[in-house]
Amino acid sequence: MNWFIDVVKKYAVFTGRARRKEYWMYMLFWIIGYVILAVLESLVGLTGVLTSIYALGLFLPGLGVAIRRLHDTGKTGWWILIALVPLIGAIVLLIFMIQDGTPGDNAHGPNPKA
């Protein structure tokens, strides 16, 4: 849970690097929270109100950690826009997020594993 909270605390930080673990733990807790809210919405009878607020509220932290993750692999944050290409863009972005970070320092800062 600390991984999620740490990312939310750095909600508008688009510089630096983020480890794979930081990114994927944030995504795991984001998905768990989304599913819980979706179930609550279906039980109460709301249609997308809570999940929309949740997704909108966590958009910037998610974007920030994704850009920092791309920085860790040695790529610029603008690569996030490849997700706009249908299907292929999402696959390419997934591969980038799975890759290990560049060892040592890179243009975006020191190695977060060190």
C-alpha atoms as a PDB file:
ATOM      1  CA  MET A   1       0.000   0.000   0.000  1.00  0.00           C
ATOM      2  CA  ASN A   2       2.962   2.334   0.617  1.00  0.00           C
ATOM      3  CA  TRP A   3       3.851   2.119  -3.076  1.00  0.00           C
ATOM      4  CA  PHE A   4       0.433   3.501  -3.975  1.00  0.00           C
ATOM      5  CA  ILE A   5       0.546   6.270  -1.380  1.00  0.00           C
ATOM      6  CA  ASP A   6       4.073   7.315  -2.367  1.00  0.00           C
ATOM      7  CA  VAL A   7       2.999   7.705  -5.994  1.00  0.00           C
ATOM      8  CA  VAL A   8      -0.076   9.716  -4.997  1.00  0.00           C
ATOM      9  CA  LYS A   9       2.124  11.991  -2.865  1.00  0.00           C
ATOM     10  CA  LYS A  10       4.224  12.673  -5.982  1.00  0.00           C
ATOM     11  CA  TYR A  11       1.083  13.250  -8.057  1.00  0.00           C
ATOM     12  CA  ALA A  12       2.538  15.911 -10.361  1.00  0.00           C
ATOM     13  CA  VAL A  13       6.188  14.820 -10.486  1.00  0.00           C
ATOM     14  CA  PHE A  14       7.124  14.026 -14.061  1.00  0.00           C
ATOM     15  CA  THR A  15      10.896  14.074 -13.595  1.00  0.00           C
ATOM     16  CA  GLY A  16      13.153  11.360 -12.303  1.00  0.00           C
ATOM     17  CA  ARG A  17      12.849   7.606 -12.541  1.00  0.00           C
ATOM     18  CA  ALA A  18      10.475   4.957 -11.183  1.00  0.00           C
ATOM     19  CA  ARG A  19      11.309   1.304 -10.674  1.00  0.00           C
ATOM     20  CA  ARG A  20       9.220  -1.468 -12.182  1.00  0.00           C
ATOM     21  CA  LYS A  21       8.029  -2.414  -8.715  1.00  0.00           C
ATOM     22  CA  GLU A  22       6.801   1.115  -7.996  1.00  0.00           C
ATOM     23  CA  TYR A  23       4.852   1.270 -11.268  1.00  0.00           C
ATOM     24  CA  TRP A  24       3.320  -2.202 -11.096  1.00  0.00           C
ATOM     25  CA  MET A  25       2.406  -2.003  -7.407  1.00  0.00           C
ATOM     26  CA  TYR A  26       0.666   1.318  -8.079  1.00  0.00           C
ATOM     27  CA  MET A  27      -1.232  -0.252 -10.978  1.00  0.00           C
ATOM     28  CA  LEU A  28      -2.193  -3.281  -8.870  1.00  0.00           C
ATOM     29  CA  PHE A  29      -3.684  -1.153  -6.091  1.00  0.00           C
ATOM     30  CA  TRP A  30      -5.312   1.161  -8.653  1.00  0.00           C
ATOM     31  CA  ILE A  31      -7.076  -1.801 -10.271  1.00  0.00           C
ATOM     32  CA  ILE A  32      -8.107  -3.269  -6.909  1.00  0.00           C
ATOM     33  CA  GLY A  33      -9.597   0.081  -5.863  1.00  0.00           C
ATOM     34  CA  TYR A  34     -11.384   0.436  -9.188  1.00  0.00           C
ATOM     35  CA  VAL A  35     -12.916  -3.048  -8.964  1.00  0.00           C
ATOM     36  CA  ILE A  36     -14.077  -2.450  -5.390  1.00  0.00           C
ATOM     37  CA  LEU A  37     -15.735   0.822  -6.411  1.00  0.00           C
ATOM     38  CA  ALA A  38     -17.331  -0.815  -9.457  1.00  0.00           C
ATOM     39  CA  VAL A  39     -18.830  -3.542  -7.256  1.00  0.00           C
ATOM     40  CA  LEU A  40     -20.113  -0.934  -4.785  1.00  0.00           C
ATOM     41  CA  GLU A  41     -21.641   1.031  -7.645  1.00  0.00           C
ATOM     42  CA  SER A  42     -23.457  -2.013  -8.958  1.00  0.00           C
ATOM     43  CA  LEU A  43     -24.793  -2.837  -5.482  1.00  0.00           C
ATOM     44  CA  VAL A  44     -26.019   0.698  -4.861  1.00  0.00           C
ATOM     45  CA  GLY A  45     -27.306   1.245  -8.378  1.00  0.00           C
ATOM     46  CA  LEU A  46     -25.001   4.075  -9.424  1.00  0.00           C
ATOM     47  CA  THR A  47     -23.700   4.021 -12.956  1.00  0.00           C
ATOM     48  CA  GLY A  48     -20.079   5.053 -13.213  1.00  0.00           C
ATOM     49  CA  VAL A  49     -20.120   7.945 -10.747  1.00  0.00           C
ATOM     50  CA  LEU A  50     -17.620   6.638  -8.183  1.00  0.00           C
ATOM     51  CA  THR A  51     -15.336   4.973 -10.705  1.00  0.00           C
ATOM     52  CA  SER A  52     -15.250   8.110 -12.852  1.00  0.00           C
ATOM     53  CA  ILE A  53     -14.301  10.286  -9.898  1.00  0.00           C
ATOM     54  CA  TYR A  54     -11.675   7.715  -8.828  1.00  0.00           C
ATOM     55  CA  ALA A  55     -10.140   7.508 -12.313  1.00  0.00           C
ATOM     56  CA  LEU A  56     -10.142  11.272 -12.783  1.00  0.00           C
ATOM     57  CA  GLY A  57      -8.646  11.876  -9.348  1.00  0.00           C
ATOM     58  CA  LEU A  58      -5.804   9.433  -9.952  1.00  0.00           C
ATOM     59  CA  PHE A  59      -5.108  10.405 -13.565  1.00  0.00           C
ATOM     60  CA  LEU A  60      -2.150  12.689 -12.802  1.00  0.00           C
ATOM     61  CA  PRO A  61      -0.414  10.302 -10.366  1.00  0.00           C
ATOM     62  CA  GLY A  62      -0.790   7.487 -12.914  1.00  0.00           C
ATOM     63  CA  LEU A  63       0.562   9.646 -15.710  1.00  0.00           C
ATOM     64  CA  GLY A  64       3.461  10.764 -13.533  1.00  0.00           C
ATOM     65  CA  VAL A  65       4.522   7.260 -12.533  1.00  0.00           C
ATOM     66  CA  ALA A  66       4.193   6.051 -16.146  1.00  0.00           C
ATOM     67  CA  ILE A  67       6.435   8.852 -17.400  1.00  0.00           C
ATOM     68  CA  ARG A  68       8.964   8.208 -14.626  1.00  0.00           C
ATOM     69  CA  ARG A  69       8.875   4.515 -15.552  1.00  0.00           C
ATOM     70  CA  LEU A  70       9.660   5.395 -19.175  1.00  0.00           C
ATOM     71  CA  HIS A  71      12.516   7.567 -17.928  1.00  0.00           C
ATOM     72  CA  ASP A  72      13.900   4.566 -16.046  1.00  0.00           C
ATOM     73  CA  THR A  73      14.107   2.625 -19.302  1.00  0.00           C
ATOM     74  CA  GLY A  74      15.982   5.507 -20.923  1.00  0.00           C
ATOM     75  CA  LYS A  75      13.081   6.792 -22.997  1.00  0.00           C
ATOM     76  CA  THR A  76      11.480  10.202 -22.995  1.00  0.00           C
ATOM     77  CA  GLY A  77       8.079  10.659 -21.392  1.00  0.00           C
ATOM     78  CA  TRP A  78       6.575  11.536 -24.770  1.00  0.00           C
ATOM     79  CA  TRP A  79       6.546   7.805 -25.552  1.00  0.00           C
ATOM     80  CA  ILE A  80       3.370   7.670 -23.445  1.00  0.00           C
ATOM     81  CA  LEU A  81       1.556   9.033 -26.500  1.00  0.00           C
ATOM     82  CA  ILE A  82       2.176   5.770 -28.362  1.00  0.00           C
ATOM     83  CA  ALA A  83      -0.774   4.421 -26.374  1.00  0.00           C
ATOM     84  CA  LEU A  84      -2.992   6.493 -28.675  1.00  0.00           C
ATOM     85  CA  VAL A  85      -2.191   4.125 -31.549  1.00  0.00           C
ATOM     86  CA  PRO A  86      -4.888   1.431 -31.402  1.00  0.00           C
ATOM     87  CA  LEU A  87      -3.743  -1.986 -30.103  1.00  0.00           C
ATOM     88  CA  ILE A  88      -0.115  -1.777 -31.259  1.00  0.00           C
ATOM     89  CA  GLY A  89       0.548   1.299 -29.135  1.00  0.00           C
ATOM     90  CA  ALA A  90      -0.705  -0.421 -25.991  1.00  0.00           C
ATOM     91  CA  ILE A  91       1.439  -3.477 -26.698  1.00  0.00           C
ATOM     92  CA  VAL A  92       4.557  -1.365 -27.278  1.00  0.00           C
ATOM     93  CA  LEU A  93       3.900   0.628 -24.102  1.00  0.00           C
ATOM     94  CA  LEU A  94       3.397  -2.588 -22.130  1.00  0.00           C
ATOM     95  CA  ILE A  95       6.762  -3.869 -23.381  1.00  0.00           C
ATOM     96  CA  PHE A  96       8.411  -0.611 -22.327  1.00  0.00           C
ATOM     97  CA  MET A  97       6.880  -0.867 -18.851  1.00  0.00           C
ATOM     98  CA  ILE A  98       8.049  -4.472 -18.450  1.00  0.00           C
ATOM     99  CA  GLN A  99      11.658  -3.760 -19.443  1.00  0.00           C
ATOM    100  CA  ASP A 100      14.309  -3.403 -16.787  1.00  0.00           C
ATOM    101  CA  GLY A 101      15.638   0.096 -16.183  1.00  0.00           C
ATOM    102  CA  THR A 102      18.963   1.226 -17.537  1.00  0.00           C
ATOM    103  CA  PRO A 103      21.769   0.364 -15.132  1.00  0.00           C
ATOM    104  CA  GLY A 104      23.490   3.299 -13.481  1.00  0.00           C
ATOM    105  CA  ASP A 105      22.618   6.919 -14.081  1.00  0.00           C
ATOM    106  CA  ASN A 106      20.910   8.068 -17.251  1.00  0.00           C
ATOM    107  CA  ALA A 107      19.764  11.441 -18.590  1.00  0.00           C
ATOM    108  CA  HIS A 108      16.740  11.393 -16.256  1.00  0.00           C
ATOM    109  CA  GLY A 109      18.564  10.857 -12.979  1.00  0.00           C
ATOM    110  CA  PRO A 110      20.229   8.270 -10.788  1.00  0.00           C
ATOM    111  CA  ASN A 111      19.196   4.635 -10.741  1.00  0.00           C
ATOM    112  CA  PRO A 112      16.302   4.233  -8.245  1.00  0.00           C
ATOM    113  CA  LYS A 113      17.507   0.737  -7.360  1.00  0.00           C
ATOM    114  CA  ALA A 114      20.763   2.100  -5.955  1.00  0.00           C
END
